[in-house]
Protein backbone atom coordinates (compact mmCIF):
# COMPACT_ATOMS: atom_id res chain seq x y z
CA MET A 1 0.00 0.00 0.00
CA HIS A 2 1.35 3.42 -0.95
CA ALA A 3 1.65 6.10 1.72
CA ALA A 4 -0.74 9.03 1.34
CA LEU A 5 0.82 12.02 -0.35
CA PRO A 6 1.13 15.22 1.73
CA MET A 7 -1.66 17.73 1.17
CA ALA A 8 -0.76 20.53 -1.26
CA PHE A 9 -2.05 23.80 0.18
CA PRO A 10 -2.36 27.11 -1.68
CA PRO A 11 0.15 29.87 -0.86
CA VAL A 12 -0.38 31.45 2.55
CA PRO A 13 -1.31 34.94 1.20
CA GLU A 14 -3.98 33.31 -0.97
CA GLN A 15 -5.38 31.38 1.99
CA MET A 16 -5.31 34.44 4.25
CA ALA A 17 -7.17 36.58 1.69
CA LEU A 18 -10.04 34.07 1.64
CA LEU A 19 -10.11 33.16 5.33
CA THR A 20 -10.07 36.75 6.56
CA ARG A 21 -12.72 37.92 4.08
CA GLY A 22 -15.67 39.13 6.11
CA ALA A 23 -13.98 38.20 9.41
CA VAL A 24 -14.13 40.58 12.39
CA ASP A 25 -11.67 39.37 15.05
CA LEU A 26 -8.52 37.33 14.49
CA HIS A 27 -6.36 36.31 17.44
CA VAL A 28 -3.61 36.23 16.30
CA LYS A 29 -2.94 36.99 12.62
CA THR A 30 0.79 36.26 12.74
CA GLU A 31 0.12 32.92 14.43
CA LEU A 32 -2.33 31.93 11.73
CA GLU A 33 0.16 32.84 9.02
CA GLU A 34 2.87 30.82 10.77
CA ARG A 35 0.68 27.74 11.18
CA LEU A 36 -0.55 27.93 7.61
CA GLU A 37 3.06 28.06 6.45
CA GLN A 38 3.90 25.12 8.68
CA SER A 39 1.00 23.11 7.27
CA ARG A 40 2.28 23.80 3.74
CA LYS A 41 5.73 22.50 4.67
CA THR A 42 4.49 19.38 6.47
CA GLY A 43 1.40 18.67 4.37
CA LYS A 44 -0.60 18.43 7.60
CA PRO A 45 -3.90 20.34 7.64
CA LEU A 46 -4.94 22.65 10.44
CA VAL A 47 -7.76 21.46 12.68
CA VAL A 48 -10.57 24.03 12.67
CA LYS A 49 -13.48 23.75 15.07
CA ALA A 50 -16.87 25.44 15.26
CA GLY A 51 -19.27 24.52 18.02
CA PHE A 52 -22.99 25.06 18.36
CA ASP A 53 -25.53 24.53 21.08
CA PRO A 54 -28.59 22.96 19.41
CA THR A 55 -31.21 25.09 21.15
CA ARG A 56 -33.39 25.48 18.05
CA PRO A 57 -34.11 23.07 15.19
CA ASP A 58 -34.40 25.44 12.21
CA LEU A 59 -31.71 27.73 10.87
CA HIS A 60 -31.57 30.81 8.66
CA ILE A 61 -28.72 32.07 6.49
CA GLY A 62 -27.46 34.23 9.36
CA HIS A 63 -26.41 30.97 11.00
CA ALA A 64 -24.86 29.91 7.70
CA VAL A 65 -22.20 32.65 7.81
CA LEU A 66 -20.09 30.69 10.31
CA LEU A 67 -20.61 27.44 8.40
CA ALA A 68 -19.57 29.14 5.15
CA LYS A 69 -16.31 30.23 6.80
CA MET A 70 -15.69 26.67 7.94
CA ARG A 71 -16.38 25.44 4.40
CA GLN A 72 -13.64 27.81 3.16
CA PHE A 73 -11.18 26.07 5.48
CA GLN A 74 -12.36 22.72 4.13
CA ASP A 75 -11.98 23.81 0.51
CA LEU A 76 -8.40 24.88 1.27
CA GLY A 77 -7.68 21.36 2.55
CA HIS A 78 -7.99 21.80 6.32
CA HIS A 79 -9.76 19.45 8.73
CA ALA A 80 -13.13 20.57 10.14
CA ILE A 81 -14.76 19.52 13.40
CA LEU A 82 -18.43 20.39 13.84
CA LEU A 83 -18.90 20.22 17.57
CA VAL A 84 -22.37 19.56 18.96
CA GLY A 85 -22.67 21.28 22.34
CA GLU A 86 -24.92 18.57 23.73
CA PHE A 87 -23.75 19.10 27.32
CA THR A 88 -23.32 22.90 27.19
CA ALA A 89 -26.77 23.36 25.65
CA MET A 90 -28.25 21.87 28.81
CA VAL A 91 -26.29 24.41 30.88
CA GLY A 92 -27.42 27.33 28.71
CA ASP A 93 -25.17 29.96 27.11
CA PRO A 94 -25.64 33.27 28.99
CA THR A 95 -24.07 35.32 26.19
CA GLY A 96 -25.98 38.53 25.57
CA LYS A 97 -28.74 37.62 28.03
CA SER A 98 -30.03 39.88 30.79
CA ASP A 99 -31.45 36.83 32.59
CA ALA A 100 -30.53 33.17 32.83
CA ARG A 101 -31.51 31.02 29.86
CA PRO A 102 -34.15 28.32 30.35
CA ARG A 103 -32.42 24.98 30.74
CA LEU A 104 -33.14 22.26 28.19
CA SER A 105 -33.44 18.51 28.57
CA ARG A 106 -31.03 16.17 26.80
CA GLN A 107 -33.91 14.89 24.66
CA GLU A 108 -34.74 18.41 23.46
CA VAL A 109 -31.10 19.08 22.67
CA GLN A 110 -30.62 15.82 20.75
CA ALA A 111 -33.74 16.43 18.64
CA SER A 112 -32.56 19.91 17.65
CA ALA A 113 -29.02 18.64 17.00
CA LYS A 114 -30.25 16.14 14.42
CA THR A 115 -32.02 18.83 12.40
CA TYR A 116 -29.17 21.30 12.76
CA THR A 117 -26.49 18.92 11.51
CA GLU A 118 -28.56 17.89 8.50
CA GLN A 119 -29.09 21.54 7.57
CA ALA A 120 -25.40 22.30 8.19
CA PHE A 121 -24.44 19.77 5.54
CA LYS A 122 -26.14 21.92 2.95
CA ILE A 123 -23.00 24.06 3.35
CA LEU A 124 -20.29 21.83 4.78
CA ASP A 125 -18.71 18.93 2.91
CA ARG A 126 -20.24 15.94 4.68
CA HIS A 127 -17.33 13.68 3.76
CA LYS A 128 -14.73 16.10 5.14
CA THR A 129 -16.49 16.95 8.41
CA GLU A 130 -15.89 15.25 11.74
CA ILE A 131 -18.88 15.49 14.09
CA ARG A 132 -18.18 15.36 17.80
CA SER A 133 -20.29 15.96 20.91
CA ASN A 134 -18.88 17.59 24.02
CA SER A 135 -20.85 15.15 26.14
CA GLU A 136 -18.02 12.70 25.28
CA TRP A 137 -15.70 14.40 27.78
CA LEU A 138 -17.94 16.68 29.85
CA ASP A 139 -20.23 13.83 30.92
CA THR A 140 -17.22 12.03 32.38
CA MET A 141 -15.74 14.92 34.38
CA THR A 142 -15.49 14.25 38.10
CA PRO A 143 -16.14 16.89 40.77
CA ALA A 144 -12.37 17.14 41.17
CA ASP A 145 -12.03 17.83 37.41
CA VAL A 146 -14.65 20.59 37.61
CA VAL A 147 -12.92 22.19 40.61
CA GLU A 148 -9.61 22.07 38.75
CA LEU A 149 -11.24 23.73 35.75
CA MET A 150 -12.85 26.47 37.86
CA ALA A 151 -9.52 27.14 39.59
CA LYS A 152 -8.07 28.31 36.28
CA MET A 153 -10.34 31.38 35.97
CA THR A 154 -11.01 34.28 38.33
CA VAL A 155 -14.38 35.88 39.08
CA SER A 156 -12.97 39.26 38.06
CA ARG A 157 -12.14 37.87 34.63
CA MET A 158 -15.70 36.59 34.28
CA LEU A 159 -17.06 40.01 35.19
CA GLU A 160 -15.17 41.47 32.24
CA ARG A 161 -18.05 40.15 30.15
CA LYS A 162 -20.45 43.00 29.48
CA ASP A 163 -23.60 40.96 30.12
CA PHE A 164 -22.33 39.64 33.46
CA ALA A 165 -21.05 43.08 34.47
CA ALA A 166 -24.39 44.72 33.63
CA ARG A 167 -26.36 42.15 35.60
CA PHE A 168 -24.01 42.47 38.58
CA GLU A 169 -24.28 46.28 38.48
CA ASP A 170 -28.09 46.14 38.30
CA GLY A 171 -28.37 43.61 41.10
CA ARG A 172 -29.84 40.94 38.81
CA PRO A 173 -28.89 37.36 39.65
CA ILE A 174 -25.95 35.58 38.06
CA TYR A 175 -26.11 31.86 38.76
CA GLN A 176 -22.94 29.88 39.36
CA HIS A 177 -23.64 27.48 36.49
CA GLU A 178 -23.57 30.50 34.13
CA PHE A 179 -19.99 31.26 35.22
CA LEU A 180 -19.23 27.63 34.45
CA TYR A 181 -20.49 27.86 30.85
CA PRO A 182 -17.48 29.68 29.29
CA LEU A 183 -15.15 27.29 31.09
CA LEU A 184 -16.96 24.22 29.75
CA GLN A 185 -16.98 25.65 26.22
CA GLY A 186 -13.31 26.49 26.57
CA TYR A 187 -12.53 22.99 27.79
CA ASP A 188 -13.87 21.65 24.48
CA SER A 189 -10.76 23.09 22.84
CA VAL A 190 -8.55 21.44 25.47
CA ALA A 191 -10.17 18.09 24.68
CA LEU A 192 -9.93 18.46 20.88
CA CYS A 193 -6.53 20.23 20.61
CA ASN A 194 -7.76 22.19 17.60
CA ASP A 195 -5.62 24.85 15.94
CA ILE A 196 -8.34 27.45 15.46
CA GLU A 197 -11.90 28.00 16.64
CA LEU A 198 -14.58 29.90 14.76
CA GLY A 199 -17.54 31.73 16.24
CA GLY A 200 -19.78 34.76 15.95
CA THR A 201 -18.64 38.09 17.34
CA ASP A 202 -20.91 37.55 20.35
CA GLN A 203 -18.81 34.49 21.24
CA LEU A 204 -15.43 36.25 21.38
CA PHE A 205 -15.12 36.10 25.18
CA ASN A 206 -15.90 32.38 25.29
CA LEU A 207 -13.48 31.62 22.45
CA LEU A 208 -10.67 33.52 24.17
CA VAL A 209 -11.36 31.59 27.37
CA GLY A 210 -10.69 28.45 25.33
CA ARG A 211 -7.40 29.94 24.14
CA ASP A 212 -6.37 30.72 27.73
CA LEU A 213 -7.37 27.31 29.06
CA MET A 214 -5.38 25.46 26.43
CA SER A 215 -2.22 27.20 27.65
CA LYS A 216 -3.03 26.41 31.27
CA TYR A 217 -3.51 22.72 30.41
CA GLY A 218 -0.19 22.61 28.56
CA LYS A 219 -1.73 22.68 25.07
CA ARG A 220 -0.74 24.90 22.15
CA PRO A 221 -3.28 27.76 22.35
CA GLN A 222 -5.87 27.96 19.63
CA MET A 223 -6.28 30.93 17.34
CA VAL A 224 -9.68 32.60 17.30
CA LEU A 225 -11.57 33.94 14.29
CA THR A 226 -15.00 35.53 14.53
CA THR A 227 -17.58 36.22 11.86
CA PRO A 228 -20.17 39.01 12.02
CA LEU A 229 -23.81 38.61 12.94
CA LEU A 230 -25.51 39.01 9.57
CA GLU A 231 -27.99 41.85 9.32
CA GLY A 232 -31.47 41.10 8.05
CA ILE A 233 -32.79 41.63 4.54
CA ASP A 234 -34.20 44.99 5.63
CA ALA A 235 -30.76 46.46 6.45
CA LYS A 236 -29.51 49.64 4.78
CA MET A 237 -26.14 51.15 3.95
CA GLU A 238 -25.45 54.36 5.85
CA ASN A 239 -22.18 56.32 5.90
CA GLY A 240 -20.33 53.39 4.37
CA GLY A 241 -21.60 50.84 6.89
CA VAL A 242 -24.44 48.34 7.06
CA VAL A 243 -27.13 49.40 9.53
CA GLY A 244 -30.00 47.23 10.72
CA LYS A 245 -31.17 44.55 13.12
CA LYS A 246 -29.44 41.21 12.94
CA MET A 247 -31.24 38.52 10.99
CA SER A 248 -33.83 36.75 13.12
CA LYS A 249 -37.23 35.16 12.90
CA SER A 250 -38.61 37.49 15.54
CA ALA A 251 -37.70 40.51 13.37
CA ASP A 252 -39.14 38.77 10.28
CA ASN A 253 -36.07 39.77 8.25
CA PHE A 254 -34.63 36.32 7.64
CA ILE A 255 -34.12 33.80 4.84
CA GLY A 256 -34.62 30.29 6.17
CA LEU A 257 -32.39 27.42 5.06
CA THR A 258 -35.45 25.29 4.31
CA GLU A 259 -37.60 27.95 2.62
CA ALA A 260 -39.05 27.31 -0.82
CA PRO A 261 -36.86 28.40 -3.78
CA LEU A 262 -39.15 31.25 -4.86
CA ALA A 263 -39.40 32.60 -1.31
CA MET A 264 -35.59 32.58 -1.03
CA PHE A 265 -35.09 34.29 -4.37
CA ARG A 266 -37.78 36.89 -3.68
CA LYS A 267 -36.24 37.82 -0.33
CA VAL A 268 -32.80 38.21 -1.89
CA MET A 269 -34.28 40.65 -4.41
CA GLN A 270 -35.56 42.75 -1.48
CA ILE A 271 -32.03 43.29 -0.12
CA ASP A 272 -30.63 46.80 -0.47
CA ASP A 273 -28.57 47.34 -3.63
CA GLU A 274 -25.43 48.11 -1.61
CA VAL A 275 -26.00 45.64 1.23
CA ILE A 276 -26.09 42.73 -1.22
CA PHE A 277 -22.29 42.81 -1.41
CA ARG A 278 -22.09 42.02 2.32
CA TYR A 279 -24.07 38.87 1.58
CA PHE A 280 -21.69 38.04 -1.26
CA GLU A 281 -18.65 38.48 1.01
CA LEU A 282 -20.06 36.39 3.84
CA LEU A 283 -21.92 33.64 2.00
CA SER A 284 -20.89 33.42 -1.65
CA ASN A 285 -18.42 30.94 -3.08
CA LYS A 286 -17.25 33.58 -5.55
CA SER A 287 -13.67 34.76 -5.27
CA ASN A 288 -12.65 38.19 -4.03
CA THR A 289 -11.80 39.10 -7.61
CA GLU A 290 -15.23 38.11 -8.89
CA ILE A 291 -16.99 40.10 -6.16
CA ASN A 292 -14.86 43.17 -6.85
CA GLU A 293 -15.72 42.86 -10.54
CA LEU A 294 -19.43 42.92 -9.67
CA LYS A 295 -18.89 46.04 -7.56
CA THR A 296 -17.11 47.68 -10.49
CA GLU A 297 -19.90 46.72 -12.88
CA LYS A 298 -22.53 48.17 -10.56
CA ALA A 299 -20.55 51.41 -10.25
CA ALA A 300 -20.41 51.53 -14.04
CA GLY A 301 -24.19 51.33 -14.29
CA ARG A 302 -25.11 47.65 -14.30
CA ASP A 303 -28.66 47.10 -13.06
CA PRO A 304 -28.34 46.10 -9.35
CA ARG A 305 -31.27 43.71 -9.81
CA GLU A 306 -29.07 41.63 -12.09
CA ILE A 307 -26.38 41.48 -9.42
CA LYS A 308 -28.87 40.50 -6.72
CA ALA A 309 -30.24 37.82 -9.04
CA ILE A 310 -26.72 36.35 -9.30
CA PHE A 311 -26.62 35.93 -5.52
CA GLY A 312 -30.21 34.69 -5.48
CA ARG A 313 -29.40 31.93 -7.98
CA GLU A 314 -26.31 30.93 -6.00
CA LEU A 315 -28.22 30.83 -2.71
CA VAL A 316 -31.11 28.75 -4.07
CA THR A 317 -28.66 26.41 -5.80
CA LEU A 318 -26.80 25.92 -2.52
CA PHE A 319 -29.88 24.98 -0.50
CA HIS A 320 -31.88 23.32 -3.28
CA ASP A 321 -30.30 22.82 -6.71
CA GLU A 322 -29.56 24.65 -9.96
CA THR A 323 -32.84 23.62 -11.59
CA ALA A 324 -34.80 25.08 -8.68
CA ALA A 325 -32.75 28.29 -8.87
CA ILE A 326 -33.47 28.77 -12.57
CA ALA A 327 -37.17 28.10 -12.03
CA ALA A 328 -37.34 30.46 -9.05
CA GLU A 329 -35.79 33.31 -11.05
CA ALA A 330 -38.17 32.74 -13.96
CA GLU A 331 -41.19 32.64 -11.66
CA PHE A 332 -40.04 35.77 -9.85
CA LYS A 333 -39.71 37.67 -13.12
CA ASN A 334 -43.16 36.52 -14.16
CA VAL A 335 -44.96 37.21 -10.89
CA TYR A 336 -43.01 39.99 -9.25
CA SER A 337 -41.34 41.83 -12.10
CA ALA A 338 -43.12 41.66 -15.43
CA SER A 339 -46.58 42.12 -13.90
CA ALA A 340 -45.57 43.60 -10.58
CA VAL A 341 -47.46 46.87 -11.07
CA PRO A 342 -50.96 46.63 -12.59
CA ASP A 343 -52.05 49.02 -15.33
CA ASN A 344 -54.97 50.42 -13.34
CA VAL A 345 -53.21 51.66 -10.20
CA PRO A 346 -55.29 54.45 -8.59
CA SER A 347 -53.69 57.85 -8.01
CA PHE A 348 -54.21 60.20 -5.08
CA SER A 349 -53.15 63.77 -4.44
CA LEU A 350 -52.68 64.27 -0.71
CA THR A 351 -52.00 67.36 1.34
CA THR A 352 -50.09 67.93 4.55
CA ASP A 353 -49.65 70.86 6.89
CA GLY A 354 -45.97 70.16 7.47
CA PRO A 355 -43.05 69.32 5.18
CA THR A 356 -43.79 65.58 5.32
CA LEU A 357 -46.71 63.14 5.58
CA TRP A 358 -46.68 60.11 7.89
CA ILE A 359 -46.62 56.85 5.93
CA ALA A 360 -49.43 55.32 8.00
CA LYS A 361 -51.69 58.31 7.29
CA ALA A 362 -50.85 58.18 3.59
CA LEU A 363 -51.82 54.50 3.47
CA SER A 364 -55.11 55.29 5.17
CA LEU A 365 -55.91 58.28 2.90
CA ALA A 366 -55.12 56.12 -0.15
CA ARG A 367 -57.58 53.51 1.18
CA LEU A 368 -54.89 50.82 1.29
CA VAL A 369 -55.59 50.22 5.00
CA LYS A 370 -58.59 50.85 7.24
CA SER A 371 -56.77 53.00 9.81
CA THR A 372 -53.45 54.61 10.59
CA GLY A 373 -52.97 52.04 13.37
CA GLU A 374 -53.28 49.20 10.88
CA GLY A 375 -50.95 51.04 8.52
CA LYS A 376 -48.27 51.49 11.17
CA ARG A 377 -48.45 47.80 12.16
CA LEU A 378 -48.23 46.72 8.53
CA VAL A 379 -45.16 48.88 7.96
CA GLU A 380 -43.40 47.52 11.05
CA GLN A 381 -44.23 43.96 9.98
CA GLY A 382 -42.50 44.52 6.63
CA GLY A 383 -45.68 44.48 4.55
CA VAL A 384 -45.27 47.89 2.86
CA GLU A 385 -43.10 49.03 -0.02
CA VAL A 386 -42.41 52.60 -1.10
CA ASP A 387 -41.12 52.86 -4.68
CA ARG A 388 -40.43 49.08 -4.62
CA GLU A 389 -38.33 49.31 -1.45
CA ARG A 390 -39.65 47.74 1.74
CA VAL A 391 -39.87 50.10 4.73
CA THR A 392 -40.16 48.92 8.32
CA ASP A 393 -39.94 52.21 10.22
CA GLY A 394 -43.41 52.90 11.62
CA GLN A 395 -42.62 56.65 11.65
CA PHE A 396 -41.43 56.80 8.03
CA GLN A 397 -42.21 60.18 6.39
CA LEU A 398 -43.09 61.02 2.77
CA GLU A 399 -41.80 64.35 1.49
CA ARG A 400 -43.99 67.12 0.13
CA GLY A 401 -43.75 67.69 -3.62
CA LYS A 402 -42.85 64.07 -4.47
CA ARG A 403 -44.78 61.22 -6.11
CA TYR A 404 -44.60 57.70 -4.66
CA LEU A 405 -45.72 54.20 -5.57
CA LEU A 406 -47.09 52.46 -2.46
CA ARG A 407 -47.67 48.75 -2.19
CA VAL A 408 -49.15 46.76 0.71
CA GLY A 409 -49.43 43.00 1.14
CA SER A 410 -47.55 40.20 -0.59
CA LYS A 411 -49.93 37.63 -2.03
CA ASN A 412 -52.89 39.97 -2.26
CA ARG A 413 -50.96 43.06 -3.25
CA ARG A 414 -52.60 46.48 -3.43
CA PHE A 415 -51.07 49.54 -5.06
CA ALA A 416 -51.57 53.28 -5.15
CA TYR A 417 -49.72 56.25 -6.60
CA ILE A 418 -49.75 59.21 -4.26
CA GLU A 419 -48.45 62.72 -4.76
CA ILE A 420 -47.86 64.95 -1.74
CA ALA A 421 -49.04 68.37 -2.90
CA ARG A 422 -46.85 71.38 -2.21
């Protein structure tokens, strides 16, 4: 039998350009460059880990950002460990919470984990992914092991976390098991001896605890790379930065991993013309060069809808297939583009005492809703478009002297042209 040939990795600058694209924190850049160079010389891949606590069964593409980064490591030839936080999910991650999380049963965690991993493999290469559960080592820890672990971290260090510090300052309870959570998550890295751990920006403290613990247990400390929390499809570009709530089901600004192809494509087409490039950078398989070319083409006058359609096709192909993506685009053009605005849209000339008119009042005066209260709720729920752009600000104002196309509803769409008289 012939010995396996060493892995041939791309040059380090090429790897770094891809791996740091869209990343927020990197501890430490020089270490990552050194280890990537070492892996090229030895042919031995880096071990990259990303953990998740399966507290919910269904995911959206905001969750996919981290998985897409892990897939980049895989495509470069590195070894990926998808860690199921079976034990830590029962403890409950306190990150970003003003109160303790509800604790879950092992059965609830295992049910969510099964769905999560299946959805994760829509992004990760199933054949190149090692799945582990932290119950393998955390279930077997003795009280003496836990005391030893707790002895490696001070209370003052724990109170450096903003959420803990705020609760302590306000006199709200912090339970001892919540202090234990970052230590248990950090111990996962001790057990796996990974080279680098990935996580969202909200996980930076926990990831750095893992780096510290590895040193204290005599292990080579992991590097840490965080990815941003993806803003929802209603985000806007302001002063060169993306502004908006993070993607979530509660904000109704998400694209679910299991949504129908047309629904996915339609939601992509609602993304702001400038914000779409953030989605490309965080989720697309296109190279940096290809993305920069699209930016150049847009600046030169290419229709931004064509650019968003490129991402829409890629996204639907990723979570369904190419045939579904082609069909979704064709159906979108037929339903939402070619016949999006009927020929008999009523027109209204409205007046206002001030320089602007409240959107909810305009909807009511144009007989698109029964009351301003209904209009405000509909706007905040994402059911209103102004000049084909969705607005979600319940206090949105229309300017005097301008003409607007208003649309309410999705399936049963209603339109009106309104002009705010001077």
